[in-house]
Amino acid sequence: MGGGFLSLGGWEGEKGGNDDVATSAVVAAHVATLLEWRRRAMAPRRVQRPRYRGSTPGQAANKPRNFELGLHSILRDYVGVDGLPPGYGLRKFERRFRVPMPVFLRICHAIKDRPFWVQSVNATGRPQAHPLQKLVAAFRVLGYGESCDRANEYVRLSSSTISRAVTLFTEFIVHEFSRRYLRPPTTAEIGNIFARNAERGFPWCLGSLDCSHLQ
């Protein structure tokens, strides 16, 4: 009995020692993992440099856009070239650009001498995009809701140029014409609107969705 008790006690003591060693190893591994995570979090991250294109050595070259072809297509379709009438009349122009031709020309004359819109000359002496191309591209994107990649097939401009044209065009419209066109209606204008809607059967109606197609 005595020997068995002593051997059992020794086994219990040895088991307790092994548990302490295992616990210490687990704690040490956990602490080492936390320290590694902290080291990685504190380490300076590599900043990815922007990718340059264009004339930078080793990068893709600019695509030949053929600006002359883009301008010629616009003039051929809506103005007429070489003594020929335009391919599309004023009604087609207003439907496609969402504005009458006089309004479009007024905007064109007001914006054509601005820094982004003015026609520049590159380092080789070749003229770049005409203001009319940039303006037509902006109208097509806003009028049709199409992407810049689709508009570049007609006006021969890059998608980045068309995107910039759309942004600057909307800012120009708000800055130049908001006082006249983007303002609340006057008392006289409200009276005219009420009178027109009363004739249609909607008295005291200032604005509504067009539901005339419903039976």
C-alpha atoms as a PDB file:
ATOM      1  CA  MET A   1       0.000   0.000   0.000  1.00  0.00           C
ATOM      2  CA  GLY A   2       2.739   2.411   0.918  1.00  0.00           C
ATOM      3  CA  GLY A   3       4.707   1.792  -2.268  1.00  0.00           C
ATOM      4  CA  GLY A   4       1.636   2.158  -4.424  1.00  0.00           C
ATOM      5  CA  PHE A   5       0.669   5.387  -2.774  1.00  0.00           C
ATOM      6  CA  LEU A   6       4.153   6.803  -3.276  1.00  0.00           C
ATOM      7  CA  SER A   7       4.254   5.851  -6.956  1.00  0.00           C
ATOM      8  CA  LEU A   8       0.789   7.350  -7.542  1.00  0.00           C
ATOM      9  CA  GLY A   9       1.834  10.539  -5.829  1.00  0.00           C
ATOM     10  CA  GLY A  10       4.935  10.756  -7.995  1.00  0.00           C
ATOM     11  CA  TRP A  11       2.842  10.309 -11.153  1.00  0.00           C
ATOM     12  CA  GLU A  12       0.487  13.095 -10.064  1.00  0.00           C
ATOM     13  CA  GLY A  13       3.416  15.406  -9.413  1.00  0.00           C
ATOM     14  CA  GLU A  14       4.939  14.649 -12.823  1.00  0.00           C
ATOM     15  CA  LYS A  15       1.574  15.288 -14.564  1.00  0.00           C
ATOM     16  CA  GLY A  16       1.198  18.671 -12.849  1.00  0.00           C
ATOM     17  CA  GLY A  17       4.654  19.696 -13.991  1.00  0.00           C
ATOM     18  CA  ASN A  18       3.839  18.782 -17.595  1.00  0.00           C
ATOM     19  CA  ASP A  19       0.639  20.860 -17.472  1.00  0.00           C
ATOM     20  CA  ASP A  20       2.581  23.884 -16.270  1.00  0.00           C
ATOM     21  CA  VAL A  21       5.088  23.510 -19.081  1.00  0.00           C
ATOM     22  CA  ALA A  22       2.314  23.181 -21.717  1.00  0.00           C
ATOM     23  CA  THR A  23       0.471  26.231 -20.369  1.00  0.00           C
ATOM     24  CA  SER A  24       3.660  28.271 -20.388  1.00  0.00           C
ATOM     25  CA  ALA A  25       4.344  27.247 -24.005  1.00  0.00           C
ATOM     26  CA  VAL A  26       0.841  28.249 -25.116  1.00  0.00           C
ATOM     27  CA  VAL A  27       1.075  31.607 -23.373  1.00  0.00           C
ATOM     28  CA  ALA A  28       4.491  32.268 -24.871  1.00  0.00           C
ATOM     29  CA  ALA A  29       3.249  31.418 -28.379  1.00  0.00           C
ATOM     30  CA  HIS A  30       0.231  33.696 -27.960  1.00  0.00           C
ATOM     31  CA  VAL A  31       2.399  36.588 -26.767  1.00  0.00           C
ATOM     32  CA  ALA A  32       4.781  36.049 -29.689  1.00  0.00           C
ATOM     33  CA  THR A  33       1.833  36.176 -32.123  1.00  0.00           C
ATOM     34  CA  LEU A  34       0.549  39.422 -30.626  1.00  0.00           C
ATOM     35  CA  LEU A  35       4.003  40.981 -30.814  1.00  0.00           C
ATOM     36  CA  GLU A  36       4.315  39.959 -34.485  1.00  0.00           C
ATOM     37  CA  TRP A  37       0.955  41.501 -35.324  1.00  0.00           C
ATOM     38  CA  ARG A  38       1.970  44.688 -33.538  1.00  0.00           C
ATOM     39  CA  ARG A  39       5.251  44.787 -35.425  1.00  0.00           C
ATOM     40  CA  ARG A  40       3.485  44.432 -38.753  1.00  0.00           C
ATOM     41  CA  ALA A  41       0.941  47.105 -37.834  1.00  0.00           C
ATOM     42  CA  MET A  42       3.662  49.567 -36.813  1.00  0.00           C
ATOM     43  CA  ALA A  43       5.844  48.860 -39.836  1.00  0.00           C
ATOM     44  CA  PRO A  44       5.731  51.573 -42.552  1.00  0.00           C
ATOM     45  CA  ARG A  45       3.614  50.555 -45.518  1.00  0.00           C
ATOM     46  CA  ARG A  46       4.836  50.823 -49.080  1.00  0.00           C
ATOM     47  CA  VAL A  47       3.053  53.580 -50.939  1.00  0.00           C
ATOM     48  CA  GLN A  48       1.986  52.495 -54.403  1.00  0.00           C
ATOM     49  CA  ARG A  49       3.033  55.099 -56.881  1.00  0.00           C
ATOM     50  CA  PRO A  50       0.522  56.276 -59.487  1.00  0.00           C
ATOM     51  CA  ARG A  51       0.848  54.803 -62.912  1.00  0.00           C
ATOM     52  CA  TYR A  52       1.906  57.374 -65.459  1.00  0.00           C
ATOM     53  CA  ARG A  53       1.077  57.217 -69.123  1.00  0.00           C
ATOM     54  CA  GLY A  54       1.529  59.383 -72.155  1.00  0.00           C
ATOM     55  CA  SER A  55       4.985  60.737 -72.932  1.00  0.00           C
ATOM     56  CA  THR A  56       6.653  59.219 -69.860  1.00  0.00           C
ATOM     57  CA  PRO A  57       9.455  56.889 -71.025  1.00  0.00           C
ATOM     58  CA  GLY A  58       8.502  53.235 -70.869  1.00  0.00           C
ATOM     59  CA  GLN A  59       4.746  53.873 -70.742  1.00  0.00           C
ATOM     60  CA  ALA A  60       2.027  53.393 -73.329  1.00  0.00           C
ATOM     61  CA  ALA A  61       1.900  56.069 -76.010  1.00  0.00           C
ATOM     62  CA  ASN A  62      -1.115  58.271 -76.649  1.00  0.00           C
ATOM     63  CA  LYS A  63      -3.578  56.936 -79.176  1.00  0.00           C
ATOM     64  CA  PRO A  64      -3.930  58.730 -82.502  1.00  0.00           C
ATOM     65  CA  ARG A  65      -7.318  60.389 -82.006  1.00  0.00           C
ATOM     66  CA  ASN A  66      -7.602  62.163 -85.373  1.00  0.00           C
ATOM     67  CA  PHE A  67      -9.237  65.312 -84.040  1.00  0.00           C
ATOM     68  CA  GLU A  68      -9.841  66.589 -87.559  1.00  0.00           C
ATOM     69  CA  LEU A  69     -12.097  63.633 -88.310  1.00  0.00           C
ATOM     70  CA  GLY A  70     -14.152  64.209 -85.165  1.00  0.00           C
ATOM     71  CA  LEU A  71     -14.708  67.882 -85.968  1.00  0.00           C
ATOM     72  CA  HIS A  72     -15.507  67.100 -89.617  1.00  0.00           C
ATOM     73  CA  SER A  73     -18.137  64.529 -88.572  1.00  0.00           C
ATOM     74  CA  ILE A  74     -19.910  67.045 -86.334  1.00  0.00           C
ATOM     75  CA  LEU A  75     -19.912  69.762 -88.984  1.00  0.00           C
ATOM     76  CA  ARG A  76     -21.032  67.316 -91.672  1.00  0.00           C
ATOM     77  CA  ASP A  77     -23.963  66.034 -89.612  1.00  0.00           C
ATOM     78  CA  TYR A  78     -25.338  69.302 -88.172  1.00  0.00           C
ATOM     79  CA  VAL A  79     -23.851  72.251 -90.095  1.00  0.00           C
ATOM     80  CA  GLY A  80     -22.944  71.068 -93.572  1.00  0.00           C
ATOM     81  CA  VAL A  81     -19.543  71.071 -95.317  1.00  0.00           C
ATOM     82  CA  ASP A  82     -18.338  71.609 -98.894  1.00  0.00           C
ATOM     83  CA  GLY A  83     -21.579  73.305 -99.809  1.00  0.00           C
ATOM     84  CA  LEU A  84     -23.675  70.265 -98.883  1.00  0.00           C
ATOM     85  CA  PRO A  85     -26.648  70.492 -96.508  1.00  0.00           C
ATOM     86  CA  PRO A  86     -26.282  68.914 -93.059  1.00  0.00           C
ATOM     87  CA  GLY A  87     -27.204  65.288 -92.711  1.00  0.00           C
ATOM     88  CA  TYR A  88     -29.612  66.031 -89.855  1.00  0.00           C
ATOM     89  CA  GLY A  89     -31.954  68.997 -89.588  1.00  0.00           C
ATOM     90  CA  LEU A  90     -32.832  71.233 -86.686  1.00  0.00           C
ATOM     91  CA  ARG A  91     -35.525  68.895 -85.370  1.00  0.00           C
ATOM     92  CA  LYS A  92     -33.098  65.988 -85.205  1.00  0.00           C
ATOM     93  CA  PHE A  93     -30.538  68.238 -83.533  1.00  0.00           C
ATOM     94  CA  GLU A  94     -32.970  69.354 -80.837  1.00  0.00           C
ATOM     95  CA  ARG A  95     -34.083  65.785 -80.177  1.00  0.00           C
ATOM     96  CA  ARG A  96     -30.555  64.465 -79.876  1.00  0.00           C
ATOM     97  CA  PHE A  97     -29.022  67.326 -77.900  1.00  0.00           C
ATOM     98  CA  ARG A  98     -32.155  68.133 -75.839  1.00  0.00           C
ATOM     99  CA  VAL A  99     -31.811  71.853 -76.647  1.00  0.00           C
ATOM    100  CA  PRO A 100     -32.608  73.988 -79.728  1.00  0.00           C
ATOM    101  CA  MET A 101     -29.734  74.959 -82.001  1.00  0.00           C
ATOM    102  CA  PRO A 102     -29.735  78.670 -80.907  1.00  0.00           C
ATOM    103  CA  VAL A 103     -29.347  77.657 -77.248  1.00  0.00           C
ATOM    104  CA  PHE A 104     -26.501  75.310 -78.127  1.00  0.00           C
ATOM    105  CA  LEU A 105     -24.706  78.006 -80.139  1.00  0.00           C
ATOM    106  CA  ARG A 106     -25.170  80.513 -77.328  1.00  0.00           C
ATOM    107  CA  ILE A 107     -23.520  78.140 -74.872  1.00  0.00           C
ATOM    108  CA  CYS A 108     -20.768  77.371 -77.375  1.00  0.00           C
ATOM    109  CA  HIS A 109     -19.899  81.055 -77.871  1.00  0.00           C
ATOM    110  CA  ALA A 110     -19.918  81.651 -74.110  1.00  0.00           C
ATOM    111  CA  ILE A 111     -17.621  78.748 -73.243  1.00  0.00           C
ATOM    112  CA  LYS A 112     -15.247  78.370 -76.212  1.00  0.00           C
ATOM    113  CA  ASP A 113     -12.583  80.800 -74.918  1.00  0.00           C
ATOM    114  CA  ARG A 114     -12.271  79.254 -71.453  1.00  0.00           C
ATOM    115  CA  PRO A 115      -8.929  77.604 -70.564  1.00  0.00           C
ATOM    116  CA  PHE A 116     -10.054  73.978 -70.908  1.00  0.00           C
ATOM    117  CA  TRP A 117     -12.241  74.536 -73.955  1.00  0.00           C
ATOM    118  CA  VAL A 118      -9.985  76.675 -76.122  1.00  0.00           C
ATOM    119  CA  GLN A 119      -8.180  74.796 -78.885  1.00  0.00           C
ATOM    120  CA  SER A 120      -4.520  74.342 -78.028  1.00  0.00           C
ATOM    121  CA  VAL A 121      -1.426  73.256 -79.975  1.00  0.00           C
ATOM    122  CA  ASN A 122       0.793  70.422 -78.778  1.00  0.00           C
ATOM    123  CA  ALA A 123       4.588  70.270 -78.754  1.00  0.00           C
ATOM    124  CA  THR A 124       4.716  69.080 -82.367  1.00  0.00           C
ATOM    125  CA  GLY A 125       2.713  72.055 -83.596  1.00  0.00           C
ATOM    126  CA  ARG A 126      -0.489  70.117 -84.306  1.00  0.00           C
ATOM    127  CA  PRO A 127      -3.819  71.603 -83.188  1.00  0.00           C
ATOM    128  CA  GLN A 128      -5.665  69.646 -80.536  1.00  0.00           C
ATOM    129  CA  ALA A 129      -9.397  69.105 -79.978  1.00  0.00           C
ATOM    130  CA  HIS A 130     -11.774  71.845 -81.044  1.00  0.00           C
ATOM    131  CA  PRO A 131     -14.137  73.365 -78.424  1.00  0.00           C
ATOM    132  CA  LEU A 132     -17.086  72.071 -80.446  1.00  0.00           C
ATOM    133  CA  GLN A 133     -15.913  68.473 -80.000  1.00  0.00           C
ATOM    134  CA  LYS A 134     -15.710  68.808 -76.213  1.00  0.00           C
ATOM    135  CA  LEU A 135     -19.091  70.497 -76.005  1.00  0.00           C
ATOM    136  CA  VAL A 136     -20.793  67.902 -78.216  1.00  0.00           C
ATOM    137  CA  ALA A 137     -19.258  65.141 -76.102  1.00  0.00           C
ATOM    138  CA  ALA A 138     -20.628  66.703 -72.903  1.00  0.00           C
ATOM    139  CA  PHE A 139     -24.095  67.073 -74.419  1.00  0.00           C
ATOM    140  CA  ARG A 140     -24.121  63.465 -75.618  1.00  0.00           C
ATOM    141  CA  VAL A 141     -23.151  62.105 -72.208  1.00  0.00           C
ATOM    142  CA  LEU A 142     -25.757  64.227 -70.413  1.00  0.00           C
ATOM    143  CA  GLY A 143     -28.460  63.899 -73.079  1.00  0.00           C
ATOM    144  CA  TYR A 144     -28.236  60.173 -73.647  1.00  0.00           C
ATOM    145  CA  GLY A 145     -26.850  59.087 -70.301  1.00  0.00           C
ATOM    146  CA  GLU A 146     -24.118  57.206 -72.124  1.00  0.00           C
ATOM    147  CA  SER A 147     -20.619  56.522 -70.892  1.00  0.00           C
ATOM    148  CA  CYS A 148     -17.588  58.514 -71.934  1.00  0.00           C
ATOM    149  CA  ASP A 149     -16.139  55.484 -73.718  1.00  0.00           C
ATOM    150  CA  ARG A 150     -19.123  55.410 -76.051  1.00  0.00           C
ATOM    151  CA  ALA A 151     -19.003  59.116 -76.892  1.00  0.00           C
ATOM    152  CA  ASN A 152     -15.329  59.020 -77.885  1.00  0.00           C
ATOM    153  CA  GLU A 153     -16.100  56.962 -80.977  1.00  0.00           C
ATOM    154  CA  TYR A 154     -17.892  59.968 -82.492  1.00  0.00           C
ATOM    155  CA  VAL A 155     -16.030  63.024 -81.208  1.00  0.00           C
ATOM    156  CA  ARG A 156     -12.591  61.323 -81.231  1.00  0.00           C
ATOM    157  CA  LEU A 157     -11.656  62.296 -77.679  1.00  0.00           C
ATOM    158  CA  SER A 158     -10.352  60.214 -74.799  1.00  0.00           C
ATOM    159  CA  SER A 159     -12.726  59.165 -72.045  1.00  0.00           C
ATOM    160  CA  SER A 160     -10.767  61.199 -69.485  1.00  0.00           C
ATOM    161  CA  THR A 161     -11.118  64.349 -71.608  1.00  0.00           C
ATOM    162  CA  ILE A 162     -14.850  63.762 -72.052  1.00  0.00           C
ATOM    163  CA  SER A 163     -15.306  63.160 -68.324  1.00  0.00           C
ATOM    164  CA  ARG A 164     -13.490  66.405 -67.580  1.00  0.00           C
ATOM    165  CA  ALA A 165     -15.628  68.223 -70.156  1.00  0.00           C
ATOM    166  CA  VAL A 166     -18.845  66.995 -68.525  1.00  0.00           C
ATOM    167  CA  THR A 167     -17.711  68.186 -65.091  1.00  0.00           C
ATOM    168  CA  LEU A 168     -16.603  71.619 -66.273  1.00  0.00           C
ATOM    169  CA  PHE A 169     -19.694  72.019 -68.455  1.00  0.00           C
ATOM    170  CA  THR A 170     -22.110  71.437 -65.563  1.00  0.00           C
ATOM    171  CA  GLU A 171     -20.125  73.820 -63.363  1.00  0.00           C
ATOM    172  CA  PHE A 172     -20.208  76.434 -66.130  1.00  0.00           C
ATOM    173  CA  ILE A 173     -23.990  76.133 -66.583  1.00  0.00           C
ATOM    174  CA  VAL A 174     -24.640  76.546 -62.859  1.00  0.00           C
ATOM    175  CA  HIS A 175     -22.240  79.485 -62.546  1.00  0.00           C
ATOM    176  CA  GLU A 176     -23.305  81.377 -65.677  1.00  0.00           C
ATOM    177  CA  PHE A 177     -27.021  80.660 -66.055  1.00  0.00           C
ATOM    178  CA  SER A 178     -28.308  79.810 -62.585  1.00  0.00           C
ATOM    179  CA  ARG A 179     -29.447  83.374 -61.887  1.00  0.00           C
ATOM    180  CA  ARG A 180     -31.680  83.372 -64.933  1.00  0.00           C
ATOM    181  CA  TYR A 181     -32.752  79.763 -65.453  1.00  0.00           C
ATOM    182  CA  LEU A 182     -32.149  77.960 -62.131  1.00  0.00           C
ATOM    183  CA  ARG A 183     -34.218  80.272 -59.959  1.00  0.00           C
ATOM    184  CA  PRO A 184     -37.699  80.103 -58.416  1.00  0.00           C
ATOM    185  CA  PRO A 185     -40.496  81.284 -60.747  1.00  0.00           C
ATOM    186  CA  THR A 186     -41.793  84.823 -60.364  1.00  0.00           C
ATOM    187  CA  THR A 187     -45.389  85.680 -59.463  1.00  0.00           C
ATOM    188  CA  ALA A 188     -46.239  86.380 -63.097  1.00  0.00           C
ATOM    189  CA  GLU A 189     -44.709  83.066 -64.220  1.00  0.00           C
ATOM    190  CA  ILE A 190     -46.640  81.176 -61.548  1.00  0.00           C
ATOM    191  CA  GLY A 191     -49.868  82.771 -62.785  1.00  0.00           C
ATOM    192  CA  ASN A 192     -49.132  81.678 -66.348  1.00  0.00           C
ATOM    193  CA  ILE A 193     -48.414  78.134 -65.179  1.00  0.00           C
ATOM    194  CA  PHE A 194     -51.671  78.016 -63.232  1.00  0.00           C
ATOM    195  CA  ALA A 195     -53.594  79.284 -66.276  1.00  0.00           C
ATOM    196  CA  ARG A 196     -52.092  76.682 -68.617  1.00  0.00           C
ATOM    197  CA  ASN A 197     -52.744  73.833 -66.211  1.00  0.00           C
ATOM    198  CA  ALA A 198     -56.321  75.046 -65.629  1.00  0.00           C
ATOM    199  CA  GLU A 199     -56.957  74.801 -69.357  1.00  0.00           C
ATOM    200  CA  ARG A 200     -55.768  71.197 -69.215  1.00  0.00           C
ATOM    201  CA  GLY A 201     -58.161  70.397 -66.396  1.00  0.00           C
ATOM    202  CA  PHE A 202     -55.738  70.772 -63.479  1.00  0.00           C
ATOM    203  CA  PRO A 203     -56.541  74.059 -61.726  1.00  0.00           C
ATOM    204  CA  TRP A 204     -54.055  75.337 -59.123  1.00  0.00           C
ATOM    205  CA  CYS A 205     -51.485  72.808 -60.330  1.00  0.00           C
ATOM    206  CA  LEU A 206     -47.945  74.193 -60.336  1.00  0.00           C
ATOM    207  CA  GLY A 207     -46.129  71.043 -61.485  1.00  0.00           C
ATOM    208  CA  SER A 208     -46.882  67.401 -62.090  1.00  0.00           C
ATOM    209  CA  LEU A 209     -45.695  64.296 -63.924  1.00  0.00           C
ATOM    210  CA  ASP A 210     -46.922  63.899 -67.466  1.00  0.00           C
ATOM    211  CA  CYS A 211     -49.666  61.248 -67.253  1.00  0.00           C
ATOM    212  CA  SER A 212     -51.485  62.221 -70.456  1.00  0.00           C
ATOM    213  CA  HIS A 213     -50.809  58.769 -71.947  1.00  0.00           C
ATOM    214  CA  LEU A 214     -53.048  57.092 -69.337  1.00  0.00           C
ATOM    215  CA  GLN A 215     -56.662  56.294 -70.252  1.00  0.00           C
END
